[in-house]
PDB file of all heavy atoms in Angstrom:
ATOM      1  N   GLY A   1      72.142  -9.229  41.294  1.00  0.00           N
ATOM      2  CA  GLY A   1      71.911  -8.631  39.981  1.00  0.00           C
ATOM      3  C   GLY A   1      70.797  -9.326  39.225  1.00  0.00           C
ATOM      4  O   GLY A   1      70.826  -9.411  38.002  1.00  0.00           O
ATOM      5  N   ILE A   2      69.806  -9.803  39.922  1.00  0.00           N
ATOM      6  CA  ILE A   2      68.699 -10.565  39.334  1.00  0.00           C
ATOM      7  C   ILE A   2      67.755  -9.605  38.609  1.00  0.00           C
ATOM      8  O   ILE A   2      67.342  -8.586  39.163  1.00  0.00           O
ATOM      9  CB  ILE A   2      67.956 -11.361  40.420  1.00  0.00           C
ATOM     10  CG1 ILE A   2      68.939 -12.338  41.084  1.00  0.00           C
ATOM     11  CG2 ILE A   2      66.753 -12.089  39.840  1.00  0.00           C
ATOM     12  CD1 ILE A   2      68.436 -12.953  42.364  1.00  0.00           C
ATOM     13  N   THR A   3      67.419  -9.944  37.382  1.00  0.00           N
ATOM     14  CA  THR A   3      66.553  -9.068  36.597  1.00  0.00           C
ATOM     15  C   THR A   3      65.078  -9.430  36.782  1.00  0.00           C
ATOM     16  O   THR A   3      64.746 -10.529  37.219  1.00  0.00           O
ATOM     17  CB  THR A   3      66.890  -9.127  35.091  1.00  0.00           C
ATOM     18  OG1 THR A   3      66.505 -10.391  34.578  1.00  0.00           O
ATOM     19  CG2 THR A   3      68.364  -8.864  34.845  1.00  0.00           C
ATOM     20  N   SER A   4      64.231  -8.505  36.396  1.00  0.00           N
ATOM     21  CA  SER A   4      62.781  -8.718  36.510  1.00  0.00           C
ATOM     22  C   SER A   4      62.293  -9.838  35.599  1.00  0.00           C
ATOM     23  O   SER A   4      61.194 -10.353  35.778  1.00  0.00           O
ATOM     24  CB  SER A   4      62.030  -7.425  36.200  1.00  0.00           C
ATOM     25  OG  SER A   4      62.333  -6.982  34.891  1.00  0.00           O
ATOM     26  N   LYS A   5      63.108 -10.229  34.646  1.00  0.00           N
ATOM     27  CA  LYS A   5      62.735 -11.338  33.756  1.00  0.00           C
ATOM     28  C   LYS A   5      63.317 -12.662  34.262  1.00  0.00           C
ATOM     29  O   LYS A   5      63.517 -13.590  33.483  1.00  0.00           O
ATOM     30  CB  LYS A   5      63.221 -11.047  32.347  1.00  0.00           C
ATOM     31  CG  LYS A   5      62.542  -9.825  31.745  1.00  0.00           C
ATOM     32  CD  LYS A   5      62.924  -9.633  30.301  1.00  0.00           C
ATOM     33  CE  LYS A   5      62.373  -8.348  29.773  1.00  0.00           C
ATOM     34  NZ  LYS A   5      61.060  -8.390  29.258  1.00  0.00           N
ATOM     35  N   THR A   6      63.547 -12.748  35.553  1.00  0.00           N
ATOM     36  CA  THR A   6      64.155 -13.923  36.158  1.00  0.00           C
ATOM     37  C   THR A   6      63.344 -15.202  35.905  1.00  0.00           C
ATOM     38  O   THR A   6      62.119 -15.187  35.991  1.00  0.00           O
ATOM     39  CB  THR A   6      64.344 -13.733  37.676  1.00  0.00           C
ATOM     40  OG1 THR A   6      64.926 -14.923  38.213  1.00  0.00           O
ATOM     41  CG2 THR A   6      63.033 -13.456  38.387  1.00  0.00           C
ATOM     42  N   PRO A   7      64.030 -16.301  35.623  1.00  0.00           N
ATOM     43  CA  PRO A   7      63.331 -17.575  35.477  1.00  0.00           C
ATOM     44  C   PRO A   7      62.872 -18.128  36.827  1.00  0.00           C
ATOM     45  O   PRO A   7      62.120 -19.102  36.865  1.00  0.00           O
ATOM     46  CB  PRO A   7      64.384 -18.488  34.842  1.00  0.00           C
ATOM     47  CG  PRO A   7      65.692 -17.895  35.244  1.00  0.00           C
ATOM     48  CD  PRO A   7      65.458 -16.413  35.327  1.00  0.00           C
ATOM     49  N   TRP A   8      63.296 -17.514  37.925  1.00  0.00           N
ATOM     50  CA  TRP A   8      62.957 -18.010  39.264  1.00  0.00           C
ATOM     51  C   TRP A   8      61.616 -17.492  39.765  1.00  0.00           C
ATOM     52  O   TRP A   8      61.197 -17.846  40.864  1.00  0.00           O
ATOM     53  CB  TRP A   8      64.065 -17.635  40.247  1.00  0.00           C
ATOM     54  CG  TRP A   8      65.416 -18.081  39.812  1.00  0.00           C
ATOM     55  CD1 TRP A   8      66.490 -17.289  39.518  1.00  0.00           C
ATOM     56  CD2 TRP A   8      65.845 -19.428  39.588  1.00  0.00           C
ATOM     57  NE1 TRP A   8      67.558 -18.058  39.134  1.00  0.00           N
ATOM     58  CE2 TRP A   8      67.188 -19.385  39.166  1.00  0.00           C
ATOM     59  CE3 TRP A   8      65.224 -20.675  39.693  1.00  0.00           C
ATOM     60  CZ2 TRP A   8      67.927 -20.516  38.863  1.00  0.00           C
ATOM     61  CZ3 TRP A   8      65.959 -21.810  39.382  1.00  0.00           C
ATOM     62  CH2 TRP A   8      67.286 -21.723  38.976  1.00  0.00           C
ATOM     63  N   SER A   9      60.905 -16.695  39.008  1.00  0.00           N
ATOM     64  CA  SER A   9      59.664 -16.080  39.494  1.00  0.00           C
ATOM     65  C   SER A   9      58.574 -17.096  39.819  1.00  0.00           C
ATOM     66  O   SER A   9      57.652 -16.776  40.557  1.00  0.00           O
ATOM     67  CB  SER A   9      59.146 -15.045  38.496  1.00  0.00           C
ATOM     68  OG  SER A   9      58.852 -15.658  37.261  1.00  0.00           O
ATOM     69  N   GLU A  10      58.688 -18.312  39.313  1.00  0.00           N
ATOM     70  CA  GLU A  10      57.688 -19.338  39.650  1.00  0.00           C
ATOM     71  C   GLU A  10      58.048 -20.067  40.937  1.00  0.00           C
ATOM     72  O   GLU A  10      57.238 -20.801  41.480  1.00  0.00           O
ATOM     73  CB  GLU A  10      57.541 -20.320  38.493  1.00  0.00           C
ATOM     74  CG  GLU A  10      57.078 -19.606  37.240  1.00  0.00           C
ATOM     75  CD  GLU A  10      56.222 -20.459  36.343  1.00  0.00           C
ATOM     76  OE1 GLU A  10      55.905 -21.599  36.704  1.00  0.00           O
ATOM     77  OE2 GLU A  10      55.868 -19.948  35.271  1.00  0.00           O
ATOM     78  N   LYS A  11      59.260 -19.857  41.430  1.00  0.00           N
ATOM     79  CA  LYS A  11      59.723 -20.552  42.632  1.00  0.00           C
ATOM     80  C   LYS A  11      59.979 -19.614  43.801  1.00  0.00           C
ATOM     81  O   LYS A  11      60.280 -20.058  44.894  1.00  0.00           O
ATOM     82  CB  LYS A  11      61.004 -21.324  42.318  1.00  0.00           C
ATOM     83  CG  LYS A  11      60.795 -22.406  41.281  1.00  0.00           C
ATOM     84  CD  LYS A  11      62.049 -23.228  41.097  1.00  0.00           C
ATOM     85  CE  LYS A  11      61.837 -24.329  40.113  1.00  0.00           C
ATOM     86  NZ  LYS A  11      61.198 -25.495  40.644  1.00  0.00           N
ATOM     87  N   ALA A  12      59.884 -18.306  43.557  1.00  0.00           N
ATOM     88  CA  ALA A  12      60.197 -17.322  44.597  1.00  0.00           C
ATOM     89  C   ALA A  12      59.320 -16.095  44.432  1.00  0.00           C
ATOM     90  O   ALA A  12      58.802 -15.836  43.348  1.00  0.00           O
ATOM     91  CB  ALA A  12      61.668 -16.916  44.498  1.00  0.00           C
ATOM     92  N   GLY A  13      59.191 -15.339  45.511  1.00  0.00           N
ATOM     93  CA  GLY A  13      58.559 -14.037  45.430  1.00  0.00           C
ATOM     94  C   GLY A  13      59.565 -13.062  44.842  1.00  0.00           C
ATOM     95  O   GLY A  13      60.771 -13.189  45.064  1.00  0.00           O
ATOM     96  N   VAL A  14      59.085 -12.088  44.088  1.00  0.00           N
ATOM     97  CA  VAL A  14      59.956 -11.141  43.401  1.00  0.00           C
ATOM     98  C   VAL A  14      59.518  -9.724  43.763  1.00  0.00           C
ATOM     99  O   VAL A  14      58.337  -9.391  43.650  1.00  0.00           O
ATOM    100  CB  VAL A  14      59.880 -11.339  41.865  1.00  0.00           C
ATOM    101  CG1 VAL A  14      60.772 -10.348  41.142  1.00  0.00           C
ATOM    102  CG2 VAL A  14      60.221 -12.771  41.478  1.00  0.00           C
ATOM    103  N   THR A  15      60.484  -8.902  44.193  1.00  0.00           N
ATOM    104  CA  THR A  15      60.152  -7.509  44.474  1.00  0.00           C
ATOM    105  C   THR A  15      59.882  -6.769  43.168  1.00  0.00           C
ATOM    106  O   THR A  15      60.247  -7.230  42.098  1.00  0.00           O
ATOM    107  CB  THR A  15      61.301  -6.774  45.197  1.00  0.00           C
ATOM    108  OG1 THR A  15      62.438  -6.706  44.339  1.00  0.00           O
ATOM    109  CG2 THR A  15      61.656  -7.438  46.516  1.00  0.00           C
ATOM    110  N   ARG A  16      59.266  -5.609  43.303  1.00  0.00           N
ATOM    111  CA  ARG A  16      59.194  -4.704  42.164  1.00  0.00           C
ATOM    112  C   ARG A  16      60.622  -4.293  41.834  1.00  0.00           C
ATOM    113  O   ARG A  16      61.487  -4.289  42.712  1.00  0.00           O
ATOM    114  CB  ARG A  16      58.385  -3.454  42.523  1.00  0.00           C
ATOM    115  CG  ARG A  16      56.918  -3.700  42.739  1.00  0.00           C
ATOM    116  CD  ARG A  16      56.170  -2.383  42.937  1.00  0.00           C
ATOM    117  NE  ARG A  16      56.631  -1.615  44.073  1.00  0.00           N
ATOM    118  CZ  ARG A  16      56.143  -1.711  45.313  1.00  0.00           C
ATOM    119  NH1 ARG A  16      55.180  -2.572  45.574  1.00  0.00           N
ATOM    120  NH2 ARG A  16      56.609  -0.956  46.281  1.00  0.00           N
ATOM    121  N   PRO A  17      60.898  -3.929  40.601  1.00  0.00           N
ATOM    122  CA  PRO A  17      62.248  -3.436  40.287  1.00  0.00           C
ATOM    123  C   PRO A  17      62.585  -2.234  41.173  1.00  0.00           C
ATOM    124  O   PRO A  17      61.757  -1.352  41.371  1.00  0.00           O
ATOM    125  CB  PRO A  17      62.147  -3.019  38.822  1.00  0.00           C
ATOM    126  CG  PRO A  17      61.026  -3.839  38.271  1.00  0.00           C
ATOM    127  CD  PRO A  17      60.045  -3.972  39.406  1.00  0.00           C
ATOM    128  N   TYR A  18      63.789  -2.247  41.725  1.00  0.00           N
ATOM    129  CA  TYR A  18      64.180  -1.148  42.593  1.00  0.00           C
ATOM    130  C   TYR A  18      65.273  -0.272  41.975  1.00  0.00           C
ATOM    131  O   TYR A  18      65.556   0.816  42.471  1.00  0.00           O
ATOM    132  CB  TYR A  18      64.622  -1.655  43.974  1.00  0.00           C
ATOM    133  CG  TYR A  18      65.958  -2.343  43.964  1.00  0.00           C
ATOM    134  CD1 TYR A  18      67.127  -1.635  44.191  1.00  0.00           C
ATOM    135  CD2 TYR A  18      66.048  -3.708  43.721  1.00  0.00           C
ATOM    136  CE1 TYR A  18      68.360  -2.259  44.166  1.00  0.00           C
ATOM    137  CE2 TYR A  18      67.265  -4.339  43.701  1.00  0.00           C
ATOM    138  CZ  TYR A  18      68.420  -3.612  43.935  1.00  0.00           C
ATOM    139  OH  TYR A  18      69.634  -4.241  43.907  1.00  0.00           O
ATOM    140  N   THR A  19      65.881  -0.755  40.883  1.00  0.00           N
ATOM    141  CA  THR A  19      66.865   0.034  40.156  1.00  0.00           C
ATOM    142  C   THR A  19      67.003  -0.554  38.757  1.00  0.00           C
ATOM    143  O   THR A  19      66.386  -1.575  38.452  1.00  0.00           O
ATOM    144  CB  THR A  19      68.228   0.061  40.884  1.00  0.00           C
ATOM    145  OG1 THR A  19      69.051   1.068  40.300  1.00  0.00           O
ATOM    146  CG2 THR A  19      68.927  -1.283  40.847  1.00  0.00           C
ATOM    147  N   THR A  20      67.783   0.097  37.939  1.00  0.00           N
ATOM    148  CA  THR A  20      68.046  -0.423  36.608  1.00  0.00           C
ATOM    149  C   THR A  20      69.551  -0.475  36.374  1.00  0.00           C
ATOM    150  O   THR A  20      70.321   0.172  37.094  1.00  0.00           O
ATOM    151  CB  THR A  20      67.411   0.458  35.514  1.00  0.00           C
ATOM    152  OG1 THR A  20      67.948   1.767  35.602  1.00  0.00           O
ATOM    153  CG2 THR A  20      65.899   0.492  35.631  1.00  0.00           C
ATOM    154  N   ALA A  21      69.939  -1.248  35.381  1.00  0.00           N
ATOM    155  CA  ALA A  21      71.341  -1.347  34.980  1.00  0.00           C
ATOM    156  C   ALA A  21      71.375  -1.537  33.474  1.00  0.00           C
ATOM    157  O   ALA A  21      70.414  -2.037  32.878  1.00  0.00           O
ATOM    158  CB  ALA A  21      72.011  -2.515  35.682  1.00  0.00           C
ATOM    159  N   ILE A  22      72.471  -1.161  32.877  1.00  0.00           N
ATOM    160  CA  ILE A  22      72.658  -1.340  31.437  1.00  0.00           C
ATOM    161  C   ILE A  22      73.558  -2.557  31.242  1.00  0.00           C
ATOM    162  O   ILE A  22      74.654  -2.618  31.803  1.00  0.00           O
ATOM    163  CB  ILE A  22      73.289  -0.094  30.789  1.00  0.00           C
ATOM    164  CG1 ILE A  22      72.463   1.168  31.115  1.00  0.00           C
ATOM    165  CG2 ILE A  22      73.459  -0.291  29.284  1.00  0.00           C
ATOM    166  CD1 ILE A  22      71.037   1.148  30.602  1.00  0.00           C
ATOM    167  N   ASP A  23      73.098  -3.537  30.450  1.00  0.00           N
ATOM    168  CA  ASP A  23      73.905  -4.739  30.219  1.00  0.00           C
ATOM    169  C   ASP A  23      74.965  -4.491  29.155  1.00  0.00           C
ATOM    170  O   ASP A  23      75.079  -3.393  28.598  1.00  0.00           O
ATOM    171  CB  ASP A  23      73.029  -5.950  29.894  1.00  0.00           C
ATOM    172  CG  ASP A  23      72.310  -5.858  28.564  1.00  0.00           C
ATOM    173  OD1 ASP A  23      72.662  -4.998  27.726  1.00  0.00           O
ATOM    174  OD2 ASP A  23      71.389  -6.669  28.347  1.00  0.00           O
ATOM    175  N   ALA A  24      75.758  -5.523  28.867  1.00  0.00           N
ATOM    176  CA  ALA A  24      76.867  -5.410  27.912  1.00  0.00           C
ATOM    177  C   ALA A  24      76.403  -5.020  26.511  1.00  0.00           C
ATOM    178  O   ALA A  24      77.171  -4.465  25.727  1.00  0.00           O
ATOM    179  CB  ALA A  24      77.633  -6.729  27.862  1.00  0.00           C
ATOM    180  N   LYS A  25      75.155  -5.301  26.180  1.00  0.00           N
ATOM    181  CA  LYS A  25      74.614  -4.971  24.865  1.00  0.00           C
ATOM    182  C   LYS A  25      73.957  -3.588  24.835  1.00  0.00           C
ATOM    183  O   LYS A  25      73.342  -3.214  23.847  1.00  0.00           O
ATOM    184  CB  LYS A  25      73.590  -6.028  24.444  1.00  0.00           C
ATOM    185  CG  LYS A  25      74.200  -7.413  24.271  1.00  0.00           C
ATOM    186  CD  LYS A  25      73.145  -8.418  23.907  1.00  0.00           C
ATOM    187  CE  LYS A  25      73.764  -9.805  23.794  1.00  0.00           C
ATOM    188  NZ  LYS A  25      72.775 -10.833  23.507  1.00  0.00           N
ATOM    189  N   GLY A  26      74.067  -2.861  25.965  1.00  0.00           N
ATOM    190  CA  GLY A  26      73.473  -1.537  26.028  1.00  0.00           C
ATOM    191  C   GLY A  26      71.991  -1.540  26.338  1.00  0.00           C
ATOM    192  O   GLY A  26      71.336  -0.511  26.241  1.00  0.00           O
ATOM    193  N   LYS A  27      71.475  -2.666  26.725  1.00  0.00           N
ATOM    194  CA  LYS A  27      70.047  -2.797  27.013  1.00  0.00           C
ATOM    195  C   LYS A  27      69.788  -2.587  28.510  1.00  0.00           C
ATOM    196  O   LYS A  27      70.511  -3.105  29.350  1.00  0.00           O
ATOM    197  CB  LYS A  27      69.592  -4.192  26.584  1.00  0.00           C
ATOM    198  CG  LYS A  27      68.127  -4.331  26.407  1.00  0.00           C
ATOM    199  CD  LYS A  27      67.807  -5.665  25.747  1.00  0.00           C
ATOM    200  CE  LYS A  27      66.370  -5.692  25.351  1.00  0.00           C
ATOM    201  NZ  LYS A  27      65.953  -6.952  24.800  1.00  0.00           N
ATOM    202  N   GLU A  28      68.748  -1.818  28.804  1.00  0.00           N
ATOM    203  CA  GLU A  28      68.391  -1.573  30.192  1.00  0.00           C
ATOM    204  C   GLU A  28      67.725  -2.812  30.798  1.00  0.00           C
ATOM    205  O   GLU A  28      66.874  -3.437  30.175  1.00  0.00           O
ATOM    206  CB  GLU A  28      67.422  -0.389  30.289  1.00  0.00           C
ATOM    207  CG  GLU A  28      67.065  -0.033  31.707  1.00  0.00           C
ATOM    208  CD  GLU A  28      66.132   1.155  31.783  1.00  0.00           C
ATOM    209  OE1 GLU A  28      64.920   0.968  31.567  1.00  0.00           O
ATOM    210  OE2 GLU A  28      66.628   2.260  32.033  1.00  0.00           O
ATOM    211  N   ARG A  29      68.125  -3.147  32.011  1.00  0.00           N
ATOM    212  CA  ARG A  29      67.474  -4.250  32.716  1.00  0.00           C
ATOM    213  C   ARG A  29      67.057  -3.772  34.107  1.00  0.00           C
ATOM    214  O   ARG A  29      67.750  -2.973  34.724  1.00  0.00           O
ATOM    215  CB  ARG A  29      68.352  -5.490  32.798  1.00  0.00           C
ATOM    216  CG  ARG A  29      69.773  -5.254  32.856  1.00  0.00           C
ATOM    217  CD  ARG A  29      70.623  -6.509  32.854  1.00  0.00           C
ATOM    218  NE  ARG A  29      71.812  -6.149  33.619  1.00  0.00           N
ATOM    219  CZ  ARG A  29      72.446  -6.921  34.441  1.00  0.00           C
ATOM    220  NH1 ARG A  29      72.072  -8.156  34.606  1.00  0.00           N
ATOM    221  NH2 ARG A  29      73.483  -6.488  35.106  1.00  0.00           N
ATOM    222  N   LYS A  30      65.907  -4.243  34.520  1.00  0.00           N
ATOM    223  CA  LYS A  30      65.349  -3.866  35.814  1.00  0.00           C
ATOM    224  C   LYS A  30      65.784  -4.907  36.843  1.00  0.00           C
ATOM    225  O   LYS A  30      65.648  -6.107  36.607  1.00  0.00           O
ATOM    226  CB  LYS A  30      63.834  -3.777  35.730  1.00  0.00           C
ATOM    227  CG  LYS A  30      63.392  -2.678  34.786  1.00  0.00           C
ATOM    228  CD  LYS A  30      61.896  -2.634  34.633  1.00  0.00           C
ATOM    229  CE  LYS A  30      61.531  -1.519  33.659  1.00  0.00           C
ATOM    230  NZ  LYS A  30      60.104  -1.407  33.470  1.00  0.00           N
ATOM    231  N   ILE A  31      66.274  -4.436  37.988  1.00  0.00           N
ATOM    232  CA  ILE A  31      66.845  -5.305  39.003  1.00  0.00           C
ATOM    233  C   ILE A  31      65.850  -5.511  40.147  1.00  0.00           C
ATOM    234  O   ILE A  31      65.208  -4.570  40.625  1.00  0.00           O
ATOM    235  CB  ILE A  31      68.168  -4.715  39.535  1.00  0.00           C
ATOM    236  CG1 ILE A  31      69.122  -4.431  38.382  1.00  0.00           C
ATOM    237  CG2 ILE A  31      68.800  -5.644  40.566  1.00  0.00           C
ATOM    238  CD1 ILE A  31      69.495  -5.622  37.525  1.00  0.00           C
ATOM    239  N   VAL A  32      65.763  -6.782  40.610  1.00  0.00           N
ATOM    240  CA  VAL A  32      64.838  -7.173  41.668  1.00  0.00           C
ATOM    241  C   VAL A  32      65.575  -7.999  42.723  1.00  0.00           C
ATOM    242  O   VAL A  32      66.716  -8.406  42.520  1.00  0.00           O
ATOM    243  CB  VAL A  32      63.658  -8.008  41.103  1.00  0.00           C
ATOM    244  CG1 VAL A  32      62.864  -7.209  40.091  1.00  0.00           C
ATOM    245  CG2 VAL A  32      64.146  -9.315  40.496  1.00  0.00           C
ATOM    246  N   LEU A  33      64.900  -8.265  43.818  1.00  0.00           N
ATOM    247  CA  LEU A  33      65.372  -9.181  44.850  1.00  0.00           C
ATOM    248  C   LEU A  33      64.366 -10.313  44.960  1.00  0.00           C
ATOM    249  O   LEU A  33      63.188 -10.135  44.629  1.00  0.00           O
ATOM    250  CB  LEU A  33      65.498  -8.455  46.196  1.00  0.00           C
ATOM    251  CG  LEU A  33      66.446  -7.258  46.232  1.00  0.00           C
ATOM    252  CD1 LEU A  33      66.310  -6.509  47.552  1.00  0.00           C
ATOM    253  CD2 LEU A  33      67.874  -7.703  46.003  1.00  0.00           C
ATOM    254  N   LEU A  34      64.809 -11.468  45.445  1.00  0.00           N
ATOM    255  CA  LEU A  34      63.923 -12.616  45.618  1.00  0.00           C
ATOM    256  C   LEU A  34      63.668 -12.858  47.100  1.00  0.00           C
ATOM    257  O   LEU A  34      64.563 -12.676  47.932  1.00  0.00           O
ATOM    258  CB  LEU A  34      64.544 -13.869  44.998  1.00  0.00           C
ATOM    259  CG  LEU A  34      64.917 -13.798  43.520  1.00  0.00           C
ATOM    260  CD1 LEU A  34      65.546 -15.117  43.069  1.00  0.00           C
ATOM    261  CD2 LEU A  34      63.705 -13.462  42.672  1.00  0.00           C
ATOM    262  N   VAL A  35      62.450 -13.292  47.409  1.00  0.00           N
ATOM    263  CA  VAL A  35      62.044 -13.624  48.782  1.00  0.00           C
ATOM    264  C   VAL A  35      61.330 -14.969  48.759  1.00  0.00           C
ATOM    265  O   VAL A  35      60.963 -15.466  47.695  1.00  0.00           O
ATOM    266  CB  VAL A  35      61.133 -12.522  49.377  1.00  0.00           C
ATOM    267  CG1 VAL A  35      61.856 -11.184  49.425  1.00  0.00           C
ATOM    268  CG2 VAL A  35      59.832 -12.405  48.624  1.00  0.00           C
TER     269      VAL A  35
END
């Protein structure tokens, strides 16, 4: 459930967002995978 605003982007490769999810506050977040 890693978001596109991940703090790990300086330590890992990040895919483009492949889906979205709505968080508890009703805010949309873009989901990515790390490589």
